[in-house]
């Protein structure tokens, strides 16, 4: 299963985190010298104990996780911290206080963007990229590839990741020899407080020929210098678990169409869990179709089923916008994977 690729790094090896002004969920003592924290061990087994309630995300804010890649080796992932855990805690704590003028609290808004975890959808993308790279390298046997493995190829492609958070897919794209990788997230995202910089600098070799850049981008805002200079520049666009806000679906599609290269082979990868409801995800596909994107291939993937399969391969089923027998207790083990192109 996907979660078996992850394990928390010993907390004594993780950098000290600044104290936060508000209680944080599930944070551990960062100064704990225990190599195998009992709670970390228990958490790693939860998907095996309760597969129907597989977690859609992994890690705690500011934690380091080790992602094990059979092809590229171990990758040290820093999960983005809350804003007040960055290098400027006093400034951000002050910014986070209630304002008398009634203006939007940007720090609190940033906390609502869900960048503080490594999402399972990002791991689905990472695995797909790795399988395609293995196939290209000639070591296909046992790689876990499927008949659509080639759709995940990024060798020589120009890649844009939207709502990147910890940016695991972008790291794999760089390791798999994409020609260019641009990592973006909302301008107020806590991922810009050090996580993205750490993840790229610690995992992408200096000898890499891939051009990697990091840019803030708010979906639908296409009059910025970054957007104006990169229109139609990307042959692969990644959007993993970016769909929980239905009010942003039009802006998200607008961004996709703006940056997508006009080449008929250019694709948008959409990967989404159902933890916020299947209807929201289905609504995105409806919006995308109305605005000029069409589905080339789509299916649902079981996030834990490969561990239960006799051959250890992915377990898939047909995508449907609505399942009568689905509820909160069993929908979280599934995600939808779709490859979109211009109409």
C-alpha atoms as a PDB file:
ATOM      1  CA  UNK A   1       0.000   0.000   0.000  1.00  0.00           C
ATOM      2  CA  UNK A   2       1.078   3.582  -0.528  1.00  0.00           C
ATOM      3  CA  UNK A   3       1.457   4.363   3.152  1.00  0.00           C
ATOM      4  CA  UNK A   4       4.087   1.626   3.489  1.00  0.00           C
ATOM      5  CA  UNK A   5       6.449   3.879   1.535  1.00  0.00           C
ATOM      6  CA  UNK A   6       6.435   6.406   4.384  1.00  0.00           C
ATOM      7  CA  UNK A   7       8.024   6.345   7.784  1.00  0.00           C
ATOM      8  CA  UNK A   8       8.667   9.204  10.191  1.00  0.00           C
ATOM      9  CA  UNK A   9      12.265  10.180  10.709  1.00  0.00           C
ATOM     10  CA  UNK A  10      13.524   9.993  14.310  1.00  0.00           C
ATOM     11  CA  UNK A  11      12.476  13.175  15.999  1.00  0.00           C
ATOM     12  CA  UNK A  12      15.914  13.780  17.458  1.00  0.00           C
ATOM     13  CA  UNK A  13      17.126  14.341  13.876  1.00  0.00           C
ATOM     14  CA  UNK A  14      14.453  16.889  13.063  1.00  0.00           C
ATOM     15  CA  UNK A  15      15.149  20.615  13.365  1.00  0.00           C
ATOM     16  CA  UNK A  16      13.689  22.397  16.366  1.00  0.00           C
ATOM     17  CA  UNK A  17      10.314  24.002  15.697  1.00  0.00           C
ATOM     18  CA  UNK A  18       9.309  27.361  17.065  1.00  0.00           C
ATOM     19  CA  UNK A  19       6.486  27.303  19.610  1.00  0.00           C
ATOM     20  CA  UNK A  20       3.121  28.162  18.129  1.00  0.00           C
ATOM     21  CA  UNK A  21       0.552  30.634  19.354  1.00  0.00           C
ATOM     22  CA  UNK A  22      -2.309  28.166  18.995  1.00  0.00           C
ATOM     23  CA  UNK A  23      -2.643  24.454  19.815  1.00  0.00           C
ATOM     24  CA  UNK A  24      -1.606  22.224  16.918  1.00  0.00           C
ATOM     25  CA  UNK A  25      -3.255  18.881  16.237  1.00  0.00           C
ATOM     26  CA  UNK A  26      -1.187  15.745  16.817  1.00  0.00           C
ATOM     27  CA  UNK A  27       2.148  17.492  17.232  1.00  0.00           C
ATOM     28  CA  UNK A  28       4.795  15.637  19.191  1.00  0.00           C
ATOM     29  CA  UNK A  29       7.619  16.958  21.305  1.00  0.00           C
ATOM     30  CA  UNK A  30      10.261  17.900  18.747  1.00  0.00           C
ATOM     31  CA  UNK A  31      13.014  17.386  21.343  1.00  0.00           C
ATOM     32  CA  UNK A  32      12.079  13.766  21.991  1.00  0.00           C
ATOM     33  CA  UNK A  33      15.162  11.553  21.536  1.00  0.00           C
ATOM     34  CA  UNK A  34      13.137   8.391  20.981  1.00  0.00           C
ATOM     35  CA  UNK A  35      14.067   6.794  17.671  1.00  0.00           C
ATOM     36  CA  UNK A  36      10.750   5.021  17.232  1.00  0.00           C
ATOM     37  CA  UNK A  37       8.016   7.083  18.805  1.00  0.00           C
ATOM     38  CA  UNK A  38       5.192   4.709  19.887  1.00  0.00           C
ATOM     39  CA  UNK A  39       2.536   6.998  18.448  1.00  0.00           C
ATOM     40  CA  UNK A  40       4.374   7.171  15.118  1.00  0.00           C
ATOM     41  CA  UNK A  41       4.591   3.384  14.997  1.00  0.00           C
ATOM     42  CA  UNK A  42       0.912   2.988  15.858  1.00  0.00           C
ATOM     43  CA  UNK A  43      -0.101   5.609  13.300  1.00  0.00           C
ATOM     44  CA  UNK A  44       1.838   3.850  10.547  1.00  0.00           C
ATOM     45  CA  UNK A  45      -0.177   0.677  11.182  1.00  0.00           C
ATOM     46  CA  UNK A  46      -3.608   2.348  11.179  1.00  0.00           C
ATOM     47  CA  UNK A  47      -4.212   1.808   7.432  1.00  0.00           C
ATOM     48  CA  UNK A  48      -3.567  -1.918   7.958  1.00  0.00           C
ATOM     49  CA  UNK A  49      -5.879  -2.099  10.975  1.00  0.00           C
ATOM     50  CA  UNK A  50      -8.674   0.006   9.484  1.00  0.00           C
ATOM     51  CA  UNK A  51      -8.285  -0.094   5.674  1.00  0.00           C
ATOM     52  CA  UNK A  52     -11.729   1.390   4.982  1.00  0.00           C
ATOM     53  CA  UNK A  53     -10.697   4.477   6.949  1.00  0.00           C
ATOM     54  CA  UNK A  54      -7.306   4.979   5.302  1.00  0.00           C
ATOM     55  CA  UNK A  55      -5.989   8.470   6.090  1.00  0.00           C
ATOM     56  CA  UNK A  56      -6.021  10.907   3.161  1.00  0.00           C
ATOM     57  CA  UNK A  57      -2.944  12.659   4.550  1.00  0.00           C
ATOM     58  CA  UNK A  58       0.215  11.810   6.446  1.00  0.00           C
ATOM     59  CA  UNK A  59       2.548  13.474   8.919  1.00  0.00           C
ATOM     60  CA  UNK A  60       2.250  16.395  11.293  1.00  0.00           C
ATOM     61  CA  UNK A  61       3.059  20.045  10.552  1.00  0.00           C
ATOM     62  CA  UNK A  62       6.820  20.496  10.548  1.00  0.00           C
ATOM     63  CA  UNK A  63       7.552  16.782  10.717  1.00  0.00           C
ATOM     64  CA  UNK A  64      10.052  15.002   8.482  1.00  0.00           C
ATOM     65  CA  UNK A  65       8.974  11.865   6.628  1.00  0.00           C
ATOM     66  CA  UNK A  66      11.113   9.445   4.673  1.00  0.00           C
ATOM     67  CA  UNK A  67       9.535   8.461   1.357  1.00  0.00           C
ATOM     68  CA  UNK A  68      11.065   5.237   0.052  1.00  0.00           C
ATOM     69  CA  UNK A  69      11.394   5.003  -3.716  1.00  0.00           C
ATOM     70  CA  UNK A  70      12.556   1.707  -5.186  1.00  0.00           C
ATOM     71  CA  UNK A  71      14.050   3.522  -8.156  1.00  0.00           C
ATOM     72  CA  UNK A  72      15.284   6.852  -6.770  1.00  0.00           C
ATOM     73  CA  UNK A  73      16.105   5.909  -3.175  1.00  0.00           C
ATOM     74  CA  UNK A  74      14.963   7.547   0.058  1.00  0.00           C
ATOM     75  CA  UNK A  75      13.528  11.060  -0.117  1.00  0.00           C
ATOM     76  CA  UNK A  76      13.454  13.273   2.992  1.00  0.00           C
ATOM     77  CA  UNK A  77      10.168  15.208   3.003  1.00  0.00           C
ATOM     78  CA  UNK A  78       9.637  18.155   5.320  1.00  0.00           C
ATOM     79  CA  UNK A  79       5.905  18.610   5.906  1.00  0.00           C
ATOM     80  CA  UNK A  80       5.011  22.335   5.835  1.00  0.00           C
ATOM     81  CA  UNK A  81       4.680  23.968   9.241  1.00  0.00           C
ATOM     82  CA  UNK A  82       1.978  26.292  10.412  1.00  0.00           C
ATOM     83  CA  UNK A  83       2.946  29.910   9.706  1.00  0.00           C
ATOM     84  CA  UNK A  84       3.934  30.569  13.338  1.00  0.00           C
ATOM     85  CA  UNK A  85       6.487  27.760  13.156  1.00  0.00           C
ATOM     86  CA  UNK A  86       8.545  29.449  10.461  1.00  0.00           C
ATOM     87  CA  UNK A  87      11.709  31.491  10.864  1.00  0.00           C
ATOM     88  CA  UNK A  88       9.707  34.645  11.637  1.00  0.00           C
ATOM     89  CA  UNK A  89       7.316  33.507  14.378  1.00  0.00           C
ATOM     90  CA  UNK A  90       7.022  36.822  16.199  1.00  0.00           C
ATOM     91  CA  UNK A  91       6.005  38.681  13.037  1.00  0.00           C
ATOM     92  CA  UNK A  92       3.504  36.041  12.021  1.00  0.00           C
ATOM     93  CA  UNK A  93       2.023  35.696  15.494  1.00  0.00           C
ATOM     94  CA  UNK A  94       1.503  39.451  15.514  1.00  0.00           C
ATOM     95  CA  UNK A  95      -0.068  39.286  12.062  1.00  0.00           C
ATOM     96  CA  UNK A  96      -2.352  36.533  13.281  1.00  0.00           C
ATOM     97  CA  UNK A  97      -3.932  38.586  16.052  1.00  0.00           C
ATOM     98  CA  UNK A  98      -7.507  39.794  15.617  1.00  0.00           C
ATOM     99  CA  UNK A  99      -7.648  43.070  13.712  1.00  0.00           C
ATOM    100  CA  UNK A 100      -9.841  45.983  14.661  1.00  0.00           C
ATOM    101  CA  UNK A 101     -10.197  47.112  11.049  1.00  0.00           C
ATOM    102  CA  UNK A 102     -11.959  43.875  10.107  1.00  0.00           C
ATOM    103  CA  UNK A 103      -9.503  42.972   7.364  1.00  0.00           C
ATOM    104  CA  UNK A 104      -8.962  39.354   6.403  1.00  0.00           C
ATOM    105  CA  UNK A 105      -6.463  37.631   8.653  1.00  0.00           C
ATOM    106  CA  UNK A 106      -3.990  36.349   6.060  1.00  0.00           C
ATOM    107  CA  UNK A 107      -2.150  34.035   8.458  1.00  0.00           C
ATOM    108  CA  UNK A 108      -5.347  32.310   9.515  1.00  0.00           C
ATOM    109  CA  UNK A 109      -6.399  32.088   5.882  1.00  0.00           C
ATOM    110  CA  UNK A 110      -3.111  30.364   5.143  1.00  0.00           C
ATOM    111  CA  UNK A 111      -3.800  27.801   7.830  1.00  0.00           C
ATOM    112  CA  UNK A 112      -6.989  26.832   6.037  1.00  0.00           C
ATOM    113  CA  UNK A 113      -5.225  25.820   2.848  1.00  0.00           C
ATOM    114  CA  UNK A 114      -4.396  22.308   4.106  1.00  0.00           C
ATOM    115  CA  UNK A 115      -0.731  22.469   3.115  1.00  0.00           C
ATOM    116  CA  UNK A 116       0.460  21.077   6.441  1.00  0.00           C
ATOM    117  CA  UNK A 117       0.359  17.409   5.437  1.00  0.00           C
ATOM    118  CA  UNK A 118       1.580  15.017   2.770  1.00  0.00           C
ATOM    119  CA  UNK A 119      -1.567  13.943   0.937  1.00  0.00           C
ATOM    120  CA  UNK A 120      -2.129  10.425  -0.404  1.00  0.00           C
ATOM    121  CA  UNK A 121      -3.010  11.855  -3.824  1.00  0.00           C
ATOM    122  CA  UNK A 122       0.530  13.228  -4.101  1.00  0.00           C
ATOM    123  CA  UNK A 123       1.867   9.750  -3.379  1.00  0.00           C
ATOM    124  CA  UNK A 124      -0.276   8.298  -6.175  1.00  0.00           C
ATOM    125  CA  UNK A 125       1.355  10.753  -8.581  1.00  0.00           C
ATOM    126  CA  UNK A 126       4.835  10.008  -7.246  1.00  0.00           C
ATOM    127  CA  UNK A 127       4.322   6.276  -7.689  1.00  0.00           C
ATOM    128  CA  UNK A 128       3.023   6.745 -11.238  1.00  0.00           C
ATOM    129  CA  UNK A 129       6.046   8.844 -12.192  1.00  0.00           C
ATOM    130  CA  UNK A 130       8.401   6.276 -10.684  1.00  0.00           C
ATOM    131  CA  UNK A 131       6.758   3.355 -12.500  1.00  0.00           C
ATOM    132  CA  UNK A 132       7.077   5.200 -15.805  1.00  0.00           C
ATOM    133  CA  UNK A 133      10.731   5.971 -15.096  1.00  0.00           C
ATOM    134  CA  UNK A 134      11.380   2.317 -14.299  1.00  0.00           C
ATOM    135  CA  UNK A 135       9.696   1.320 -17.551  1.00  0.00           C
ATOM    136  CA  UNK A 136      11.863   3.769 -19.494  1.00  0.00           C
ATOM    137  CA  UNK A 137      14.995   2.442 -17.827  1.00  0.00           C
ATOM    138  CA  UNK A 138      14.277  -1.082 -19.074  1.00  0.00           C
ATOM    139  CA  UNK A 139      13.581  -2.631 -15.667  1.00  0.00           C
ATOM    140  CA  UNK A 140       9.855  -3.140 -16.264  1.00  0.00           C
ATOM    141  CA  UNK A 141       9.486  -6.574 -14.575  1.00  0.00           C
ATOM    142  CA  UNK A 142       8.087  -6.101 -11.104  1.00  0.00           C
ATOM    143  CA  UNK A 143       7.801  -2.351 -11.551  1.00  0.00           C
ATOM    144  CA  UNK A 144       4.077  -2.324 -10.883  1.00  0.00           C
ATOM    145  CA  UNK A 145       3.337  -0.789 -14.252  1.00  0.00           C
ATOM    146  CA  UNK A 146      -0.078  -0.875 -15.954  1.00  0.00           C
ATOM    147  CA  UNK A 147      -1.274  -0.325 -19.479  1.00  0.00           C
ATOM    148  CA  UNK A 148      -1.398   3.414 -18.811  1.00  0.00           C
ATOM    149  CA  UNK A 149       2.037   3.664 -17.185  1.00  0.00           C
ATOM    150  CA  UNK A 150       3.290   5.658 -20.176  1.00  0.00           C
ATOM    151  CA  UNK A 151       0.782   8.417 -19.322  1.00  0.00           C
ATOM    152  CA  UNK A 152       2.904   9.211 -16.263  1.00  0.00           C
ATOM    153  CA  UNK A 153       6.110   9.817 -18.235  1.00  0.00           C
ATOM    154  CA  UNK A 154       7.789  13.159 -17.522  1.00  0.00           C
ATOM    155  CA  UNK A 155      11.191  12.644 -19.161  1.00  0.00           C
ATOM    156  CA  UNK A 156      11.788  15.825 -21.158  1.00  0.00           C
ATOM    157  CA  UNK A 157       8.404  17.309 -20.207  1.00  0.00           C
ATOM    158  CA  UNK A 158       7.734  20.764 -18.761  1.00  0.00           C
ATOM    159  CA  UNK A 159       5.815  20.269 -15.510  1.00  0.00           C
ATOM    160  CA  UNK A 160       3.731  22.628 -13.385  1.00  0.00           C
ATOM    161  CA  UNK A 161       2.422  21.538  -9.986  1.00  0.00           C
ATOM    162  CA  UNK A 162      -0.549  23.422  -8.530  1.00  0.00           C
ATOM    163  CA  UNK A 163      -1.222  23.540  -4.796  1.00  0.00           C
ATOM    164  CA  UNK A 164       2.040  21.704  -4.255  1.00  0.00           C
ATOM    165  CA  UNK A 165       2.350  21.769  -0.459  1.00  0.00           C
ATOM    166  CA  UNK A 166       5.320  19.496   0.300  1.00  0.00           C
ATOM    167  CA  UNK A 167       5.830  19.118  -3.499  1.00  0.00           C
ATOM    168  CA  UNK A 168       6.562  15.367  -3.560  1.00  0.00           C
ATOM    169  CA  UNK A 169       5.319  14.983  -7.180  1.00  0.00           C
ATOM    170  CA  UNK A 170       7.593  17.813  -8.297  1.00  0.00           C
ATOM    171  CA  UNK A 171      10.585  16.138  -6.661  1.00  0.00           C
ATOM    172  CA  UNK A 172       9.875  12.900  -8.529  1.00  0.00           C
ATOM    173  CA  UNK A 173       9.484  14.820 -11.788  1.00  0.00           C
ATOM    174  CA  UNK A 174      12.917  16.368 -11.329  1.00  0.00           C
ATOM    175  CA  UNK A 175      14.461  13.002 -10.470  1.00  0.00           C
ATOM    176  CA  UNK A 176      12.773  11.481 -13.537  1.00  0.00           C
ATOM    177  CA  UNK A 177      14.469  14.021 -15.839  1.00  0.00           C
ATOM    178  CA  UNK A 178      11.675  16.456 -16.616  1.00  0.00           C
ATOM    179  CA  UNK A 179      13.187  19.367 -18.532  1.00  0.00           C
ATOM    180  CA  UNK A 180      11.498  21.967 -16.334  1.00  0.00           C
ATOM    181  CA  UNK A 181       9.552  21.804 -13.062  1.00  0.00           C
ATOM    182  CA  UNK A 182       7.686  24.760 -11.565  1.00  0.00           C
ATOM    183  CA  UNK A 183       6.331  24.336  -8.030  1.00  0.00           C
ATOM    184  CA  UNK A 184       3.431  26.604  -7.085  1.00  0.00           C
ATOM    185  CA  UNK A 185       1.121  27.134  -4.150  1.00  0.00           C
ATOM    186  CA  UNK A 186      -1.123  29.900  -2.850  1.00  0.00           C
ATOM    187  CA  UNK A 187       0.921  33.006  -1.942  1.00  0.00           C
ATOM    188  CA  UNK A 188      -0.078  32.666   1.731  1.00  0.00           C
ATOM    189  CA  UNK A 189       0.709  28.943   1.884  1.00  0.00           C
ATOM    190  CA  UNK A 190       2.936  27.869   4.796  1.00  0.00           C
ATOM    191  CA  UNK A 191       4.813  25.681   2.300  1.00  0.00           C
ATOM    192  CA  UNK A 192       6.823  28.802   1.448  1.00  0.00           C
ATOM    193  CA  UNK A 193       8.096  29.027   5.026  1.00  0.00           C
ATOM    194  CA  UNK A 194      10.883  26.589   4.286  1.00  0.00           C
ATOM    195  CA  UNK A 195       9.411  23.208   3.370  1.00  0.00           C
ATOM    196  CA  UNK A 196       9.581  23.523  -0.415  1.00  0.00           C
ATOM    197  CA  UNK A 197      13.094  24.973  -0.311  1.00  0.00           C
ATOM    198  CA  UNK A 198      14.269  22.183   1.988  1.00  0.00           C
ATOM    199  CA  UNK A 199      12.648  19.430  -0.058  1.00  0.00           C
ATOM    200  CA  UNK A 200      14.143  20.612  -3.326  1.00  0.00           C
ATOM    201  CA  UNK A 201      17.631  21.404  -2.030  1.00  0.00           C
ATOM    202  CA  UNK A 202      17.979  18.143  -0.074  1.00  0.00           C
ATOM    203  CA  UNK A 203      16.588  15.755  -2.676  1.00  0.00           C
ATOM    204  CA  UNK A 204      17.408  17.082  -6.142  1.00  0.00           C
ATOM    205  CA  UNK A 205      21.075  16.552  -7.019  1.00  0.00           C
ATOM    206  CA  UNK A 206      23.055  19.651  -7.923  1.00  0.00           C
ATOM    207  CA  UNK A 207      24.068  17.814 -11.083  1.00  0.00           C
ATOM    208  CA  UNK A 208      20.424  17.567 -12.211  1.00  0.00           C
ATOM    209  CA  UNK A 209      19.705  18.986 -15.652  1.00  0.00           C
ATOM    210  CA  UNK A 210      16.122  19.821 -14.659  1.00  0.00           C
ATOM    211  CA  UNK A 211      15.325  23.495 -14.256  1.00  0.00           C
ATOM    212  CA  UNK A 212      13.398  23.838 -10.970  1.00  0.00           C
ATOM    213  CA  UNK A 213      11.634  27.018  -9.856  1.00  0.00           C
ATOM    214  CA  UNK A 214       9.252  27.923  -7.034  1.00  0.00           C
ATOM    215  CA  UNK A 215       6.481  30.452  -7.611  1.00  0.00           C
ATOM    216  CA  UNK A 216       3.478  31.689  -5.610  1.00  0.00           C
ATOM    217  CA  UNK A 217       0.275  31.515  -7.635  1.00  0.00           C
ATOM    218  CA  UNK A 218      -3.349  32.158  -6.773  1.00  0.00           C
ATOM    219  CA  UNK A 219      -5.644  30.193  -9.078  1.00  0.00           C
ATOM    220  CA  UNK A 220      -7.327  32.357 -11.664  1.00  0.00           C
ATOM    221  CA  UNK A 221      -4.971  35.307 -11.154  1.00  0.00           C
ATOM    222  CA  UNK A 222      -3.450  35.450 -14.625  1.00  0.00           C
ATOM    223  CA  UNK A 223      -2.256  39.062 -14.777  1.00  0.00           C
ATOM    224  CA  UNK A 224       0.830  38.524 -12.603  1.00  0.00           C
ATOM    225  CA  UNK A 225       4.365  38.639 -14.045  1.00  0.00           C
ATOM    226  CA  UNK A 226       4.708  34.896 -13.466  1.00  0.00           C
ATOM    227  CA  UNK A 227       1.450  34.016 -15.245  1.00  0.00           C
ATOM    228  CA  UNK A 228       2.033  36.399 -18.138  1.00  0.00           C
ATOM    229  CA  UNK A 229       5.518  35.038 -18.757  1.00  0.00           C
ATOM    230  CA  UNK A 230       4.543  31.353 -18.622  1.00  0.00           C
ATOM    231  CA  UNK A 231       1.313  31.193 -20.614  1.00  0.00           C
ATOM    232  CA  UNK A 232       1.109  27.908 -22.542  1.00  0.00           C
ATOM    233  CA  UNK A 233       4.478  26.785 -21.207  1.00  0.00           C
ATOM    234  CA  UNK A 234       3.714  23.400 -19.627  1.00  0.00           C
ATOM    235  CA  UNK A 235       3.101  19.993 -21.144  1.00  0.00           C
ATOM    236  CA  UNK A 236       2.163  18.393 -17.807  1.00  0.00           C
ATOM    237  CA  UNK A 237       0.105  20.038 -15.062  1.00  0.00           C
ATOM    238  CA  UNK A 238      -0.341  18.275 -11.724  1.00  0.00           C
ATOM    239  CA  UNK A 239      -3.284  18.938  -9.406  1.00  0.00           C
ATOM    240  CA  UNK A 240      -3.354  16.507  -6.470  1.00  0.00           C
ATOM    241  CA  UNK A 241      -6.082  17.001  -3.849  1.00  0.00           C
ATOM    242  CA  UNK A 242      -6.798  20.601  -4.858  1.00  0.00           C
ATOM    243  CA  UNK A 243     -10.555  20.289  -5.193  1.00  0.00           C
ATOM    244  CA  UNK A 244     -12.176  20.681  -1.760  1.00  0.00           C
ATOM    245  CA  UNK A 245     -13.292  24.271  -2.472  1.00  0.00           C
ATOM    246  CA  UNK A 246     -15.985  24.096  -5.138  1.00  0.00           C
ATOM    247  CA  UNK A 247     -16.001  27.904  -5.302  1.00  0.00           C
ATOM    248  CA  UNK A 248     -12.467  27.728  -6.717  1.00  0.00           C
ATOM    249  CA  UNK A 249     -13.121  25.136  -9.432  1.00  0.00           C
ATOM    250  CA  UNK A 250     -13.534  27.721 -12.194  1.00  0.00           C
ATOM    251  CA  UNK A 251     -10.372  29.535 -11.138  1.00  0.00           C
ATOM    252  CA  UNK A 252      -8.495  26.243 -11.021  1.00  0.00           C
ATOM    253  CA  UNK A 253      -9.585  25.273 -14.541  1.00  0.00           C
ATOM    254  CA  UNK A 254      -8.821  28.769 -15.778  1.00  0.00           C
ATOM    255  CA  UNK A 255      -5.275  28.376 -14.461  1.00  0.00           C
ATOM    256  CA  UNK A 256      -4.925  24.939 -16.053  1.00  0.00           C
ATOM    257  CA  UNK A 257      -6.019  26.163 -19.482  1.00  0.00           C
ATOM    258  CA  UNK A 258      -3.813  29.237 -19.259  1.00  0.00           C
ATOM    259  CA  UNK A 259      -0.596  27.361 -18.516  1.00  0.00           C
ATOM    260  CA  UNK A 260      -1.238  24.212 -20.593  1.00  0.00           C
ATOM    261  CA  UNK A 261       0.809  23.950 -23.776  1.00  0.00           C
ATOM    262  CA  UNK A 262      -1.226  23.912 -27.005  1.00  0.00           C
ATOM    263  CA  UNK A 263       0.446  20.670 -28.117  1.00  0.00           C
ATOM    264  CA  UNK A 264      -2.190  17.895 -28.438  1.00  0.00           C
ATOM    265  CA  UNK A 265      -0.055  15.631 -26.247  1.00  0.00           C
ATOM    266  CA  UNK A 266      -0.154  18.013 -23.264  1.00  0.00           C
ATOM    267  CA  UNK A 267      -2.092  16.726 -20.269  1.00  0.00           C
ATOM    268  CA  UNK A 268      -3.496  17.741 -16.894  1.00  0.00           C
ATOM    269  CA  UNK A 269      -3.278  15.127 -14.138  1.00  0.00           C
ATOM    270  CA  UNK A 270      -6.161  15.236 -11.664  1.00  0.00           C
ATOM    271  CA  UNK A 271      -5.891  13.074  -8.552  1.00  0.00           C
ATOM    272  CA  UNK A 272      -8.380  13.512  -5.731  1.00  0.00           C
ATOM    273  CA  UNK A 273      -9.490  11.699  -2.634  1.00  0.00           C
ATOM    274  CA  UNK A 274     -13.105  11.648  -1.498  1.00  0.00           C
ATOM    275  CA  UNK A 275     -12.532  12.749   2.100  1.00  0.00           C
ATOM    276  CA  UNK A 276     -14.525  15.940   1.489  1.00  0.00           C
ATOM    277  CA  UNK A 277     -17.199  14.127  -0.503  1.00  0.00           C
ATOM    278  CA  UNK A 278     -17.478  12.584  -3.956  1.00  0.00           C
ATOM    279  CA  UNK A 279     -19.893  15.272  -5.114  1.00  0.00           C
ATOM    280  CA  UNK A 280     -17.272  18.014  -4.863  1.00  0.00           C
ATOM    281  CA  UNK A 281     -14.841  16.073  -7.042  1.00  0.00           C
ATOM    282  CA  UNK A 282     -17.570  15.239  -9.574  1.00  0.00           C
ATOM    283  CA  UNK A 283     -18.437  18.930  -9.680  1.00  0.00           C
ATOM    284  CA  UNK A 284     -14.895  19.769 -10.711  1.00  0.00           C
ATOM    285  CA  UNK A 285     -15.086  17.438 -13.722  1.00  0.00           C
ATOM    286  CA  UNK A 286     -18.367  19.068 -14.764  1.00  0.00           C
ATOM    287  CA  UNK A 287     -16.790  22.505 -14.539  1.00  0.00           C
ATOM    288  CA  UNK A 288     -13.695  21.374 -16.449  1.00  0.00           C
ATOM    289  CA  UNK A 289     -15.836  19.957 -19.261  1.00  0.00           C
ATOM    290  CA  UNK A 290     -17.834  23.169 -19.588  1.00  0.00           C
ATOM    291  CA  UNK A 291     -14.677  25.277 -19.757  1.00  0.00           C
ATOM    292  CA  UNK A 292     -12.774  23.287 -22.384  1.00  0.00           C
ATOM    293  CA  UNK A 293     -11.096  20.203 -20.913  1.00  0.00           C
ATOM    294  CA  UNK A 294     -12.046  16.607 -21.623  1.00  0.00           C
ATOM    295  CA  UNK A 295     -11.153  13.325 -19.954  1.00  0.00           C
ATOM    296  CA  UNK A 296      -8.809  11.015 -21.821  1.00  0.00           C
ATOM    297  CA  UNK A 297      -8.716   8.329 -19.107  1.00  0.00           C
ATOM    298  CA  UNK A 298     -10.290   8.103 -15.655  1.00  0.00           C
ATOM    299  CA  UNK A 299     -10.602   5.462 -12.946  1.00  0.00           C
ATOM    300  CA  UNK A 300     -10.793   5.015  -9.199  1.00  0.00           C
ATOM    301  CA  UNK A 301      -7.872   3.590  -7.287  1.00  0.00           C
ATOM    302  CA  UNK A 302      -7.967   1.762  -3.970  1.00  0.00           C
ATOM    303  CA  UNK A 303      -5.285   3.383  -1.798  1.00  0.00           C
ATOM    304  CA  UNK A 304      -4.784   0.220   0.277  1.00  0.00           C
ATOM    305  CA  UNK A 305      -6.026  -2.528  -2.051  1.00  0.00           C
ATOM    306  CA  UNK A 306      -2.632  -3.292  -3.552  1.00  0.00           C
ATOM    307  CA  UNK A 307      -1.588  -4.724  -0.210  1.00  0.00           C
ATOM    308  CA  UNK A 308      -4.598  -7.052  -0.282  1.00  0.00           C
ATOM    309  CA  UNK A 309      -4.109  -8.046  -3.939  1.00  0.00           C
ATOM    310  CA  UNK A 310      -2.513 -11.433  -4.665  1.00  0.00           C
ATOM    311  CA  UNK A 311       0.042  -9.825  -6.974  1.00  0.00           C
ATOM    312  CA  UNK A 312       0.489  -6.610  -5.013  1.00  0.00           C
ATOM    313  CA  UNK A 313      -0.834  -4.544  -7.922  1.00  0.00           C
ATOM    314  CA  UNK A 314      -3.196  -1.606  -7.963  1.00  0.00           C
ATOM    315  CA  UNK A 315      -6.867  -2.298  -7.366  1.00  0.00           C
ATOM    316  CA  UNK A 316      -9.068  -0.181  -9.622  1.00  0.00           C
ATOM    317  CA  UNK A 317     -12.702   0.286 -10.457  1.00  0.00           C
ATOM    318  CA  UNK A 318     -14.766   2.412 -12.788  1.00  0.00           C
ATOM    319  CA  UNK A 319     -15.243   6.067 -11.913  1.00  0.00           C
ATOM    320  CA  UNK A 320     -18.811   7.078 -11.193  1.00  0.00           C
ATOM    321  CA  UNK A 321     -19.987  10.505  -9.982  1.00  0.00           C
ATOM    322  CA  UNK A 322     -22.196   8.897  -7.326  1.00  0.00           C
ATOM    323  CA  UNK A 323     -22.159   5.619  -5.375  1.00  0.00           C
ATOM    324  CA  UNK A 324     -25.283   4.709  -3.465  1.00  0.00           C
ATOM    325  CA  UNK A 325     -23.489   2.451  -0.981  1.00  0.00           C
ATOM    326  CA  UNK A 326     -20.715   4.907  -0.159  1.00  0.00           C
ATOM    327  CA  UNK A 327     -20.408   6.788   3.099  1.00  0.00           C
ATOM    328  CA  UNK A 328     -17.769   8.516   5.201  1.00  0.00           C
ATOM    329  CA  UNK A 329     -16.781   5.155   6.674  1.00  0.00           C
ATOM    330  CA  UNK A 330     -15.519   3.647   3.399  1.00  0.00           C
ATOM    331  CA  UNK A 331     -14.938   6.411   0.836  1.00  0.00           C
ATOM    332  CA  UNK A 332     -11.556   7.537   2.161  1.00  0.00           C
ATOM    333  CA  UNK A 333      -9.715   4.468   0.900  1.00  0.00           C
ATOM    334  CA  UNK A 334     -10.465   5.474  -2.700  1.00  0.00           C
ATOM    335  CA  UNK A 335      -9.287   8.258  -4.979  1.00  0.00           C
ATOM    336  CA  UNK A 336      -9.981   9.224  -8.581  1.00  0.00           C
ATOM    337  CA  UNK A 337      -7.188   9.443 -11.148  1.00  0.00           C
ATOM    338  CA  UNK A 338      -7.842  11.302 -14.400  1.00  0.00           C
ATOM    339  CA  UNK A 339      -5.814  12.476 -17.384  1.00  0.00           C
ATOM    340  CA  UNK A 340      -7.348  15.541 -19.030  1.00  0.00           C
ATOM    341  CA  UNK A 341      -6.590  17.275 -22.323  1.00  0.00           C
ATOM    342  CA  UNK A 342      -7.915  20.229 -24.271  1.00  0.00           C
ATOM    343  CA  UNK A 343     -11.106  19.592 -26.197  1.00  0.00           C
END
